[in-house]
Amino acid sequence: MELQTRLNHIHSEAEFNQVLEENRNVMICCGRMGPMCLPVYAAMEILKEQFQQVAFYDMPFDHPEAHVIRKLSECRGFMGLPFTVYFKNGVVVKATTNIQTQDQVESILKAYY
């Protein structure tokens, strides 16, 4: 199960942990190939050139290993997809749910990275 994006993909809890260990700044979008998620993936694909200090990843929401995102306390109460989580030094600094525009994603990236 892999999302059809041009982003790096996370397939397991081990990969998730490795990504956080190896990268200071990480943005992970956990979702599906649906109308709420596609704009976020597109924004990430565009913004990854501007924010080269950030590692951009996706993760399929329905994959069993996606519990590493779904069960974060910062995502508690989220009802819509995608779950988008921003990490700095392995710690969540921001988490959003539902559709986000490129401007919204960019403003978060500027604020935290």
C-alpha atoms as a PDB file:
ATOM      1  CA  MET A   1       0.000   0.000   0.000  1.00  0.00           C
ATOM      2  CA  GLU A   2       1.699   3.164  -1.207  1.00  0.00           C
ATOM      3  CA  LEU A   3       0.394   6.635  -1.880  1.00  0.00           C
ATOM      4  CA  GLN A   4       0.854   7.878  -5.438  1.00  0.00           C
ATOM      5  CA  THR A   5       2.839  11.028  -4.635  1.00  0.00           C
ATOM      6  CA  ARG A   6       6.320  12.289  -5.413  1.00  0.00           C
ATOM      7  CA  LEU A   7       7.074  12.465  -1.713  1.00  0.00           C
ATOM      8  CA  ASN A   8       9.193  10.092   0.323  1.00  0.00           C
ATOM      9  CA  HIS A   9       7.079   7.309   1.822  1.00  0.00           C
ATOM     10  CA  ILE A  10       7.011   5.819   5.317  1.00  0.00           C
ATOM     11  CA  HIS A  11       5.841   2.194   5.476  1.00  0.00           C
ATOM     12  CA  SER A  12       6.621   1.116   9.033  1.00  0.00           C
ATOM     13  CA  GLU A  13       7.113   2.240  12.601  1.00  0.00           C
ATOM     14  CA  ALA A  14      10.831   1.484  12.218  1.00  0.00           C
ATOM     15  CA  GLU A  15      11.047   3.788   9.169  1.00  0.00           C
ATOM     16  CA  PHE A  16       9.088   6.462  11.054  1.00  0.00           C
ATOM     17  CA  ASN A  17      11.540   6.312  13.956  1.00  0.00           C
ATOM     18  CA  GLN A  18      14.509   6.367  11.590  1.00  0.00           C
ATOM     19  CA  VAL A  19      13.178   9.425   9.757  1.00  0.00           C
ATOM     20  CA  LEU A  20      12.771  11.306  13.036  1.00  0.00           C
ATOM     21  CA  GLU A  21      16.248  10.273  14.210  1.00  0.00           C
ATOM     22  CA  GLU A  22      17.984  11.243  10.973  1.00  0.00           C
ATOM     23  CA  ASN A  23      16.209  14.547  10.254  1.00  0.00           C
ATOM     24  CA  ARG A  24      15.921  17.634  12.417  1.00  0.00           C
ATOM     25  CA  ASN A  25      12.803  18.966  10.637  1.00  0.00           C
ATOM     26  CA  VAL A  26      10.122  16.588   9.369  1.00  0.00           C
ATOM     27  CA  MET A  27       6.637  17.022   7.905  1.00  0.00           C
ATOM     28  CA  ILE A  28       4.491  13.886   7.585  1.00  0.00           C
ATOM     29  CA  CYS A  29       1.112  13.817   5.892  1.00  0.00           C
ATOM     30  CA  CYS A  30      -0.858  10.716   6.849  1.00  0.00           C
ATOM     31  CA  GLY A  31      -3.794  10.272   4.515  1.00  0.00           C
ATOM     32  CA  ARG A  32      -5.363   8.676   1.463  1.00  0.00           C
ATOM     33  CA  MET A  33      -5.528   9.518  -2.233  1.00  0.00           C
ATOM     34  CA  GLY A  34      -8.701  11.558  -1.755  1.00  0.00           C
ATOM     35  CA  PRO A  35      -9.937  15.117  -2.250  1.00  0.00           C
ATOM     36  CA  MET A  36      -9.020  16.334   1.244  1.00  0.00           C
ATOM     37  CA  CYS A  37      -5.482  14.966   1.060  1.00  0.00           C
ATOM     38  CA  LEU A  38      -4.439  15.678  -2.530  1.00  0.00           C
ATOM     39  CA  PRO A  39      -4.054  19.469  -2.040  1.00  0.00           C
ATOM     40  CA  VAL A  40      -1.766  18.880   0.943  1.00  0.00           C
ATOM     41  CA  TYR A  41       0.416  16.430  -1.005  1.00  0.00           C
ATOM     42  CA  ALA A  42       0.571  18.908  -3.910  1.00  0.00           C
ATOM     43  CA  ALA A  43       1.590  21.736  -1.581  1.00  0.00           C
ATOM     44  CA  MET A  44       4.292  19.564  -0.037  1.00  0.00           C
ATOM     45  CA  GLU A  45       5.638  18.599  -3.464  1.00  0.00           C
ATOM     46  CA  ILE A  46       5.912  22.279  -4.434  1.00  0.00           C
ATOM     47  CA  LEU A  47       7.244  23.558  -1.101  1.00  0.00           C
ATOM     48  CA  LYS A  48       9.935  20.894  -0.679  1.00  0.00           C
ATOM     49  CA  GLU A  49      12.123  22.888  -3.087  1.00  0.00           C
ATOM     50  CA  GLN A  50      11.777  26.058  -1.004  1.00  0.00           C
ATOM     51  CA  PHE A  51      12.201  24.293   2.369  1.00  0.00           C
ATOM     52  CA  GLN A  52      15.152  22.011   1.726  1.00  0.00           C
ATOM     53  CA  GLN A  53      15.886  21.907   5.465  1.00  0.00           C
ATOM     54  CA  VAL A  54      12.643  19.920   5.920  1.00  0.00           C
ATOM     55  CA  ALA A  55      12.178  16.221   5.141  1.00  0.00           C
ATOM     56  CA  PHE A  56       8.750  15.733   3.536  1.00  0.00           C
ATOM     57  CA  TYR A  57       7.037  12.338   3.883  1.00  0.00           C
ATOM     58  CA  ASP A  58       3.672  10.727   3.412  1.00  0.00           C
ATOM     59  CA  MET A  59       2.176   7.685   5.092  1.00  0.00           C
ATOM     60  CA  PRO A  60      -0.987   5.753   4.149  1.00  0.00           C
ATOM     61  CA  PHE A  61      -3.626   6.380   6.815  1.00  0.00           C
ATOM     62  CA  ASP A  62      -5.064   2.864   6.512  1.00  0.00           C
ATOM     63  CA  HIS A  63      -1.740   1.082   6.939  1.00  0.00           C
ATOM     64  CA  PRO A  64      -1.566  -0.696  10.325  1.00  0.00           C
ATOM     65  CA  GLU A  65       1.774   1.002  11.089  1.00  0.00           C
ATOM     66  CA  ALA A  66       0.160   4.441  10.718  1.00  0.00           C
ATOM     67  CA  HIS A  67      -0.804   4.153  14.374  1.00  0.00           C
ATOM     68  CA  VAL A  68       2.424   6.090  15.022  1.00  0.00           C
ATOM     69  CA  ILE A  69       0.640   9.169  13.639  1.00  0.00           C
ATOM     70  CA  ARG A  70      -3.001   8.356  14.420  1.00  0.00           C
ATOM     71  CA  LYS A  71      -2.307   7.789  18.124  1.00  0.00           C
ATOM     72  CA  LEU A  72      -0.269  10.934  18.767  1.00  0.00           C
ATOM     73  CA  SER A  73      -1.796  12.995  21.560  1.00  0.00           C
ATOM     74  CA  GLU A  74      -1.644  16.034  19.256  1.00  0.00           C
ATOM     75  CA  CYS A  75      -3.969  14.203  16.832  1.00  0.00           C
ATOM     76  CA  ARG A  76      -6.504  13.191  19.472  1.00  0.00           C
ATOM     77  CA  GLY A  77      -9.916  14.353  18.400  1.00  0.00           C
ATOM     78  CA  PHE A  78      -9.008  14.720  14.714  1.00  0.00           C
ATOM     79  CA  MET A  79     -11.959  13.646  12.593  1.00  0.00           C
ATOM     80  CA  GLY A  80     -10.911  14.504   9.028  1.00  0.00           C
ATOM     81  CA  LEU A  81      -8.062  13.506   6.764  1.00  0.00           C
ATOM     82  CA  PRO A  82      -5.227  14.024   6.344  1.00  0.00           C
ATOM     83  CA  PHE A  83      -3.408  14.154   9.649  1.00  0.00           C
ATOM     84  CA  THR A  84      -0.414  16.408   8.987  1.00  0.00           C
ATOM     85  CA  VAL A  85       2.276  16.494  11.646  1.00  0.00           C
ATOM     86  CA  TYR A  86       5.337  18.724  11.879  1.00  0.00           C
ATOM     87  CA  PHE A  87       8.315  17.545  13.947  1.00  0.00           C
ATOM     88  CA  LYS A  88      11.417  19.367  15.153  1.00  0.00           C
ATOM     89  CA  ASN A  89      14.143  17.276  16.773  1.00  0.00           C
ATOM     90  CA  GLY A  90      11.717  14.352  17.018  1.00  0.00           C
ATOM     91  CA  VAL A  91       9.070  16.365  18.881  1.00  0.00           C
ATOM     92  CA  VAL A  92       5.687  17.419  17.488  1.00  0.00           C
ATOM     93  CA  VAL A  93       5.594  21.196  17.069  1.00  0.00           C
ATOM     94  CA  LYS A  94       2.320  21.405  15.112  1.00  0.00           C
ATOM     95  CA  ALA A  95      -0.438  19.058  13.942  1.00  0.00           C
ATOM     96  CA  THR A  96      -3.319  19.829  11.596  1.00  0.00           C
ATOM     97  CA  THR A  97      -6.246  17.946  10.158  1.00  0.00           C
ATOM     98  CA  ASN A  98      -8.397  18.348   7.064  1.00  0.00           C
ATOM     99  CA  ILE A  99      -7.574  20.078   3.819  1.00  0.00           C
ATOM    100  CA  GLN A 100      -4.863  22.742   3.886  1.00  0.00           C
ATOM    101  CA  THR A 101      -3.978  25.214   1.143  1.00  0.00           C
ATOM    102  CA  GLN A 102      -0.424  25.747   0.001  1.00  0.00           C
ATOM    103  CA  ASP A 103      -0.425  29.129   1.772  1.00  0.00           C
ATOM    104  CA  GLN A 104      -1.500  27.505   5.046  1.00  0.00           C
ATOM    105  CA  VAL A 105       1.188  24.815   4.798  1.00  0.00           C
ATOM    106  CA  GLU A 106       3.810  27.397   3.873  1.00  0.00           C
ATOM    107  CA  SER A 107       2.920  29.621   6.839  1.00  0.00           C
ATOM    108  CA  ILE A 108       3.351  26.686   9.225  1.00  0.00           C
ATOM    109  CA  LEU A 109       6.694  25.772   7.652  1.00  0.00           C
ATOM    110  CA  LYS A 110       7.882  29.370   7.977  1.00  0.00           C
ATOM    111  CA  ALA A 111       6.743  29.564  11.590  1.00  0.00           C
ATOM    112  CA  TYR A 112       8.493  26.393  12.746  1.00  0.00           C
ATOM    113  CA  TYR A 113      11.442  25.924  10.387  1.00  0.00           C
END
